[in-house]
Amino acid sequence: LAGSGLIGAALFLGKNQRWWLLAGVAGLIVNWFGDSLDGRLAYYRKRPRKWFGFALDLMMDWLSLSCVTLALAYYLPLAFIPFLLLAAYGARMLLAALQYKITDDYRIDSGKIGPTEARLVMAGAFMLEIIFPASLLWLSGVALLVLLLVDVLEFSALLRHADERDRKERSMILAKGARPTKEKPLE
């Protein structure tokens, strides 16, 4: 969260002097170090808290992402792009949680691109913005389109897994001789 605050500060200050974006690269390093270290440290100390840590990590990721989004919206001339990125990345987080529930496989990456690679791309984008002003706007737009495409593809795959799981569960119920019951609707 501190690293994301540093990224946010760099974007606010970088609007007037692009060299401040180098502090954003430092913020990405702090963010990566903190995000990677927390769970490993708990296991090293022999005090892991799997579900508490899982919940805390997801919420800190969301707060960090929100902090960076607000600063990026201030920095870019088209403020709606960062908010669309926030929505697309939020959908990615939801898809990861749904996949965990449906398949028992928790993955936060999309193919070869995970949080570490995303931080490296963002660091490169900050450095490119220093040299070529307005490149961050274009790169953000491309990132948005790629993320939306990945979300659609992953949601489609998730629906296939969900359908397969429903069929297996239904056949297990029928194999036991029980009749399927109508579930109580959600309120």
C-alpha atoms as a PDB file:
ATOM      1  CA  LEU A   1       0.000   0.000   0.000  1.00  0.00           C
ATOM      2  CA  ALA A   2       2.915   2.354   0.752  1.00  0.00           C
ATOM      3  CA  GLY A   3       4.381   1.571  -2.667  1.00  0.00           C
ATOM      4  CA  SER A   4       1.077   2.441  -4.311  1.00  0.00           C
ATOM      5  CA  GLY A   5       1.005   5.698  -2.369  1.00  0.00           C
ATOM      6  CA  LEU A   6       4.452   6.472  -3.767  1.00  0.00           C
ATOM      7  CA  ILE A   7       3.242   5.649  -7.288  1.00  0.00           C
ATOM      8  CA  GLY A   8       0.265   7.942  -6.742  1.00  0.00           C
ATOM      9  CA  ALA A   9       2.463  10.772  -5.463  1.00  0.00           C
ATOM     10  CA  ALA A  10       4.790  10.331  -8.448  1.00  0.00           C
ATOM     11  CA  LEU A  11       1.867  10.649 -10.860  1.00  0.00           C
ATOM     12  CA  PHE A  12       0.544  13.755  -9.086  1.00  0.00           C
ATOM     13  CA  LEU A  13       3.967  15.411  -9.096  1.00  0.00           C
ATOM     14  CA  GLY A  14       4.781  14.070 -12.566  1.00  0.00           C
ATOM     15  CA  LYS A  15       1.977  16.053 -14.144  1.00  0.00           C
ATOM     16  CA  ASN A  16       4.146  19.168 -13.805  1.00  0.00           C
ATOM     17  CA  GLN A  17       7.582  17.524 -14.018  1.00  0.00           C
ATOM     18  CA  ARG A  18       7.721  14.120 -15.728  1.00  0.00           C
ATOM     19  CA  TRP A  19      10.994  13.162 -13.985  1.00  0.00           C
ATOM     20  CA  TRP A  20       8.919  12.484 -10.864  1.00  0.00           C
ATOM     21  CA  LEU A  21       7.665   9.369 -12.638  1.00  0.00           C
ATOM     22  CA  LEU A  22      10.989   7.756 -11.680  1.00  0.00           C
ATOM     23  CA  ALA A  23       9.639   7.794  -8.111  1.00  0.00           C
ATOM     24  CA  GLY A  24       6.740   5.769  -9.513  1.00  0.00           C
ATOM     25  CA  VAL A  25       9.228   3.105 -10.592  1.00  0.00           C
ATOM     26  CA  ALA A  26      10.570   3.064  -7.020  1.00  0.00           C
ATOM     27  CA  GLY A  27       6.966   2.775  -5.793  1.00  0.00           C
ATOM     28  CA  LEU A  28       6.437  -0.246  -8.035  1.00  0.00           C
ATOM     29  CA  ILE A  29       9.502  -1.882  -6.484  1.00  0.00           C
ATOM     30  CA  VAL A  30       8.221  -1.199  -2.955  1.00  0.00           C
ATOM     31  CA  ASN A  31       4.771  -2.474  -3.961  1.00  0.00           C
ATOM     32  CA  TRP A  32       6.216  -5.663  -5.448  1.00  0.00           C
ATOM     33  CA  PHE A  33       8.481  -6.276  -2.447  1.00  0.00           C
ATOM     34  CA  GLY A  34       5.651  -5.828   0.059  1.00  0.00           C
ATOM     35  CA  ASP A  35       3.163  -7.872  -1.946  1.00  0.00           C
ATOM     36  CA  SER A  36       5.651 -10.715  -2.377  1.00  0.00           C
ATOM     37  CA  LEU A  37       7.062 -10.692   1.126  1.00  0.00           C
ATOM     38  CA  ASP A  38       4.010 -10.790   3.383  1.00  0.00           C
ATOM     39  CA  GLY A  39       2.975 -14.414   2.898  1.00  0.00           C
ATOM     40  CA  ARG A  40       6.507 -15.734   2.705  1.00  0.00           C
ATOM     41  CA  LEU A  41       7.381 -13.996   5.956  1.00  0.00           C
ATOM     42  CA  ALA A  42       4.372 -15.553   7.694  1.00  0.00           C
ATOM     43  CA  TYR A  43       5.395 -19.040   6.526  1.00  0.00           C
ATOM     44  CA  TYR A  44       9.014 -18.416   7.516  1.00  0.00           C
ATOM     45  CA  ARG A  45       7.872 -17.406  11.008  1.00  0.00           C
ATOM     46  CA  LYS A  46       5.669 -20.547  11.063  1.00  0.00           C
ATOM     47  CA  ARG A  47       2.582 -18.401  11.586  1.00  0.00           C
ATOM     48  CA  PRO A  48       0.688 -18.634   8.291  1.00  0.00           C
ATOM     49  CA  ARG A  49      -2.911 -17.487   8.198  1.00  0.00           C
ATOM     50  CA  LYS A  50      -4.107 -18.783   4.858  1.00  0.00           C
ATOM     51  CA  TRP A  51      -7.629 -17.371   4.718  1.00  0.00           C
ATOM     52  CA  PHE A  52      -6.959 -14.213   6.713  1.00  0.00           C
ATOM     53  CA  GLY A  53      -3.956 -13.522   4.495  1.00  0.00           C
ATOM     54  CA  PHE A  54      -5.945 -14.295   1.343  1.00  0.00           C
ATOM     55  CA  ALA A  55      -8.682 -11.839   2.324  1.00  0.00           C
ATOM     56  CA  LEU A  56      -6.234  -9.165   3.462  1.00  0.00           C
ATOM     57  CA  ASP A  57      -4.104  -9.512   0.317  1.00  0.00           C
ATOM     58  CA  LEU A  58      -7.089  -9.122  -2.018  1.00  0.00           C
ATOM     59  CA  MET A  59      -8.337  -6.048  -0.168  1.00  0.00           C
ATOM     60  CA  MET A  60      -4.881  -4.413  -0.111  1.00  0.00           C
ATOM     61  CA  ASP A  61      -4.529  -5.123  -3.834  1.00  0.00           C
ATOM     62  CA  TRP A  62      -7.876  -3.409  -4.431  1.00  0.00           C
ATOM     63  CA  LEU A  63      -6.957  -0.381  -2.294  1.00  0.00           C
ATOM     64  CA  SER A  64      -3.569  -0.132  -4.023  1.00  0.00           C
ATOM     65  CA  LEU A  65      -5.177  -0.334  -7.437  1.00  0.00           C
ATOM     66  CA  SER A  66      -7.719   2.327  -6.477  1.00  0.00           C
ATOM     67  CA  CYS A  67      -4.967   4.651  -5.244  1.00  0.00           C
ATOM     68  CA  VAL A  68      -2.996   4.299  -8.476  1.00  0.00           C
ATOM     69  CA  THR A  69      -6.171   4.700 -10.552  1.00  0.00           C
ATOM     70  CA  LEU A  70      -7.047   8.023  -8.908  1.00  0.00           C
ATOM     71  CA  ALA A  71      -3.550   9.359  -9.496  1.00  0.00           C
ATOM     72  CA  LEU A  72      -3.480   8.092 -13.089  1.00  0.00           C
ATOM     73  CA  ALA A  73      -6.867   9.735 -13.718  1.00  0.00           C
ATOM     74  CA  TYR A  74      -5.364  13.008 -12.482  1.00  0.00           C
ATOM     75  CA  TYR A  75      -2.270  12.567 -14.658  1.00  0.00           C
ATOM     76  CA  LEU A  76      -3.866  11.528 -17.952  1.00  0.00           C
ATOM     77  CA  PRO A  77      -5.871  13.960 -20.084  1.00  0.00           C
ATOM     78  CA  LEU A  78      -8.606  11.322 -20.527  1.00  0.00           C
ATOM     79  CA  ALA A  79      -9.527  10.420 -16.941  1.00  0.00           C
ATOM     80  CA  PHE A  80     -12.073   7.791 -17.961  1.00  0.00           C
ATOM     81  CA  ILE A  81      -9.356   5.411 -19.229  1.00  0.00           C
ATOM     82  CA  PRO A  82      -7.902   4.680 -15.765  1.00  0.00           C
ATOM     83  CA  PHE A  83     -11.395   4.089 -14.382  1.00  0.00           C
ATOM     84  CA  LEU A  84     -12.152   1.657 -17.205  1.00  0.00           C
ATOM     85  CA  LEU A  85      -8.816  -0.028 -16.411  1.00  0.00           C
ATOM     86  CA  LEU A  86      -9.898  -0.243 -12.768  1.00  0.00           C
ATOM     87  CA  ALA A  87     -13.168  -1.890 -13.808  1.00  0.00           C
ATOM     88  CA  ALA A  88     -11.391  -4.323 -16.151  1.00  0.00           C
ATOM     89  CA  TYR A  89      -8.787  -5.241 -13.531  1.00  0.00           C
ATOM     90  CA  GLY A  90     -11.527  -5.530 -10.906  1.00  0.00           C
ATOM     91  CA  ALA A  91     -13.267  -7.983 -13.229  1.00  0.00           C
ATOM     92  CA  ARG A  92      -9.976  -9.889 -13.463  1.00  0.00           C
ATOM     93  CA  MET A  93      -9.874 -10.096  -9.653  1.00  0.00           C
ATOM     94  CA  LEU A  94     -13.474 -11.346  -9.599  1.00  0.00           C
ATOM     95  CA  LEU A  95     -12.688 -13.929 -12.253  1.00  0.00           C
ATOM     96  CA  ALA A  96      -9.744 -15.193 -10.182  1.00  0.00           C
ATOM     97  CA  ALA A  97     -11.962 -15.565  -7.104  1.00  0.00           C
ATOM     98  CA  LEU A  98     -14.727 -17.264  -9.124  1.00  0.00           C
ATOM     99  CA  GLN A  99     -12.211 -19.607 -10.714  1.00  0.00           C
ATOM    100  CA  TYR A 100     -10.961 -20.542  -7.257  1.00  0.00           C
ATOM    101  CA  LYS A 101     -14.511 -21.335  -6.135  1.00  0.00           C
ATOM    102  CA  ILE A 102     -15.417 -23.288  -9.275  1.00  0.00           C
ATOM    103  CA  THR A 103     -12.150 -25.114 -10.056  1.00  0.00           C
ATOM    104  CA  ASP A 104     -10.200 -24.996  -6.751  1.00  0.00           C
ATOM    105  CA  ASP A 105      -7.353 -23.423  -8.770  1.00  0.00           C
ATOM    106  CA  TYR A 106      -6.324 -19.927  -7.720  1.00  0.00           C
ATOM    107  CA  ARG A 107      -4.447 -18.011 -10.396  1.00  0.00           C
ATOM    108  CA  ILE A 108      -3.982 -14.291 -10.516  1.00  0.00           C
ATOM    109  CA  ASP A 109      -2.071 -14.326 -13.772  1.00  0.00           C
ATOM    110  CA  SER A 110      -3.439 -14.263 -17.277  1.00  0.00           C
ATOM    111  CA  GLY A 111      -1.306 -16.698 -19.201  1.00  0.00           C
ATOM    112  CA  LYS A 112       2.254 -15.448 -18.975  1.00  0.00           C
ATOM    113  CA  ILE A 113       1.301 -12.061 -17.505  1.00  0.00           C
ATOM    114  CA  GLY A 114       1.042 -11.879 -13.733  1.00  0.00           C
ATOM    115  CA  PRO A 115       1.382  -9.062 -11.196  1.00  0.00           C
ATOM    116  CA  THR A 116       5.193  -8.979 -11.439  1.00  0.00           C
ATOM    117  CA  GLU A 117       5.137  -8.693 -15.226  1.00  0.00           C
ATOM    118  CA  ALA A 118       2.415  -6.038 -15.019  1.00  0.00           C
ATOM    119  CA  ARG A 119       4.632  -4.012 -12.665  1.00  0.00           C
ATOM    120  CA  LEU A 120       7.550  -4.321 -15.100  1.00  0.00           C
ATOM    121  CA  VAL A 121       5.354  -3.125 -17.971  1.00  0.00           C
ATOM    122  CA  MET A 122       4.141  -0.212 -15.851  1.00  0.00           C
ATOM    123  CA  ALA A 123       7.722   0.734 -14.901  1.00  0.00           C
ATOM    124  CA  GLY A 124       8.643   0.699 -18.591  1.00  0.00           C
ATOM    125  CA  ALA A 125       5.596   2.837 -19.379  1.00  0.00           C
ATOM    126  CA  PHE A 126       6.636   5.423 -16.775  1.00  0.00           C
ATOM    127  CA  MET A 127      10.138   5.583 -18.212  1.00  0.00           C
ATOM    128  CA  LEU A 128       8.793   5.838 -21.753  1.00  0.00           C
ATOM    129  CA  GLU A 129       6.484   8.673 -20.662  1.00  0.00           C
ATOM    130  CA  ILE A 130       9.504  10.650 -19.437  1.00  0.00           C
ATOM    131  CA  ILE A 131      11.099  10.415 -22.885  1.00  0.00           C
ATOM    132  CA  PHE A 132       7.926  10.524 -25.014  1.00  0.00           C
ATOM    133  CA  PRO A 133       5.184  12.631 -23.402  1.00  0.00           C
ATOM    134  CA  ALA A 134       1.629  11.291 -23.880  1.00  0.00           C
ATOM    135  CA  SER A 135       2.862   7.733 -24.461  1.00  0.00           C
ATOM    136  CA  LEU A 136       1.329   6.724 -21.128  1.00  0.00           C
ATOM    137  CA  LEU A 137      -2.101   7.642 -22.463  1.00  0.00           C
ATOM    138  CA  TRP A 138      -1.655   5.432 -25.527  1.00  0.00           C
ATOM    139  CA  LEU A 139      -0.160   2.574 -23.533  1.00  0.00           C
ATOM    140  CA  SER A 140      -3.032   2.781 -21.043  1.00  0.00           C
ATOM    141  CA  GLY A 141      -5.511   2.531 -23.902  1.00  0.00           C
ATOM    142  CA  VAL A 142      -3.741  -0.514 -25.337  1.00  0.00           C
ATOM    143  CA  ALA A 143      -3.557  -2.102 -21.870  1.00  0.00           C
ATOM    144  CA  LEU A 144      -7.298  -1.531 -21.458  1.00  0.00           C
ATOM    145  CA  LEU A 145      -8.119  -3.242 -24.755  1.00  0.00           C
ATOM    146  CA  VAL A 146      -5.843  -6.201 -23.969  1.00  0.00           C
ATOM    147  CA  LEU A 147      -7.273  -6.565 -20.465  1.00  0.00           C
ATOM    148  CA  LEU A 148     -10.849  -6.468 -21.753  1.00  0.00           C
ATOM    149  CA  LEU A 149     -10.033  -9.157 -24.313  1.00  0.00           C
ATOM    150  CA  VAL A 150      -8.384 -11.328 -21.643  1.00  0.00           C
ATOM    151  CA  ASP A 151     -11.397 -10.829 -19.343  1.00  0.00           C
ATOM    152  CA  VAL A 152     -13.816 -11.959 -22.067  1.00  0.00           C
ATOM    153  CA  LEU A 153     -11.709 -15.006 -22.956  1.00  0.00           C
ATOM    154  CA  GLU A 154     -11.197 -16.012 -19.328  1.00  0.00           C
ATOM    155  CA  PHE A 155     -14.884 -15.508 -18.499  1.00  0.00           C
ATOM    156  CA  SER A 156     -15.834 -17.713 -21.430  1.00  0.00           C
ATOM    157  CA  ALA A 157     -13.434 -20.444 -20.222  1.00  0.00           C
ATOM    158  CA  LEU A 158     -14.769 -20.083 -16.670  1.00  0.00           C
ATOM    159  CA  LEU A 159     -18.340 -20.561 -17.858  1.00  0.00           C
ATOM    160  CA  ARG A 160     -17.291 -23.799 -19.590  1.00  0.00           C
ATOM    161  CA  HIS A 161     -15.706 -25.023 -16.322  1.00  0.00           C
ATOM    162  CA  ALA A 162     -18.808 -24.028 -14.365  1.00  0.00           C
ATOM    163  CA  ASP A 163     -21.066 -25.872 -16.805  1.00  0.00           C
ATOM    164  CA  GLU A 164     -18.850 -28.966 -16.605  1.00  0.00           C
ATOM    165  CA  ARG A 165     -18.922 -28.878 -12.797  1.00  0.00           C
ATOM    166  CA  ASP A 166     -22.712 -28.504 -12.796  1.00  0.00           C
ATOM    167  CA  ARG A 167     -23.051 -31.539 -15.075  1.00  0.00           C
ATOM    168  CA  LYS A 168     -20.761 -33.644 -12.857  1.00  0.00           C
ATOM    169  CA  GLU A 169     -22.609 -32.669  -9.695  1.00  0.00           C
ATOM    170  CA  ARG A 170     -25.976 -33.319 -11.315  1.00  0.00           C
ATOM    171  CA  SER A 171     -24.879 -36.775 -12.510  1.00  0.00           C
ATOM    172  CA  MET A 172     -23.547 -37.631  -9.030  1.00  0.00           C
ATOM    173  CA  ILE A 173     -26.892 -36.698  -7.493  1.00  0.00           C
ATOM    174  CA  LEU A 174     -28.783 -38.759 -10.042  1.00  0.00           C
ATOM    175  CA  ALA A 175     -26.397 -41.707  -9.589  1.00  0.00           C
ATOM    176  CA  LYS A 176     -27.220 -41.766  -5.865  1.00  0.00           C
ATOM    177  CA  GLY A 177     -30.874 -42.142  -6.754  1.00  0.00           C
ATOM    178  CA  ALA A 178     -31.878 -38.823  -5.323  1.00  0.00           C
ATOM    179  CA  ARG A 179     -34.094 -36.506  -7.226  1.00  0.00           C
ATOM    180  CA  PRO A 180     -32.750 -33.039  -7.894  1.00  0.00           C
ATOM    181  CA  THR A 181     -34.456 -30.495  -5.679  1.00  0.00           C
ATOM    182  CA  LYS A 182     -35.334 -26.967  -6.483  1.00  0.00           C
ATOM    183  CA  GLU A 183     -32.944 -24.760  -4.571  1.00  0.00           C
ATOM    184  CA  LYS A 184     -34.203 -21.852  -2.565  1.00  0.00           C
ATOM    185  CA  PRO A 185     -33.773 -18.703  -4.655  1.00  0.00           C
ATOM    186  CA  LEU A 186     -31.248 -16.121  -3.517  1.00  0.00           C
ATOM    187  CA  GLU A 187     -32.756 -13.146  -1.767  1.00  0.00           C
END
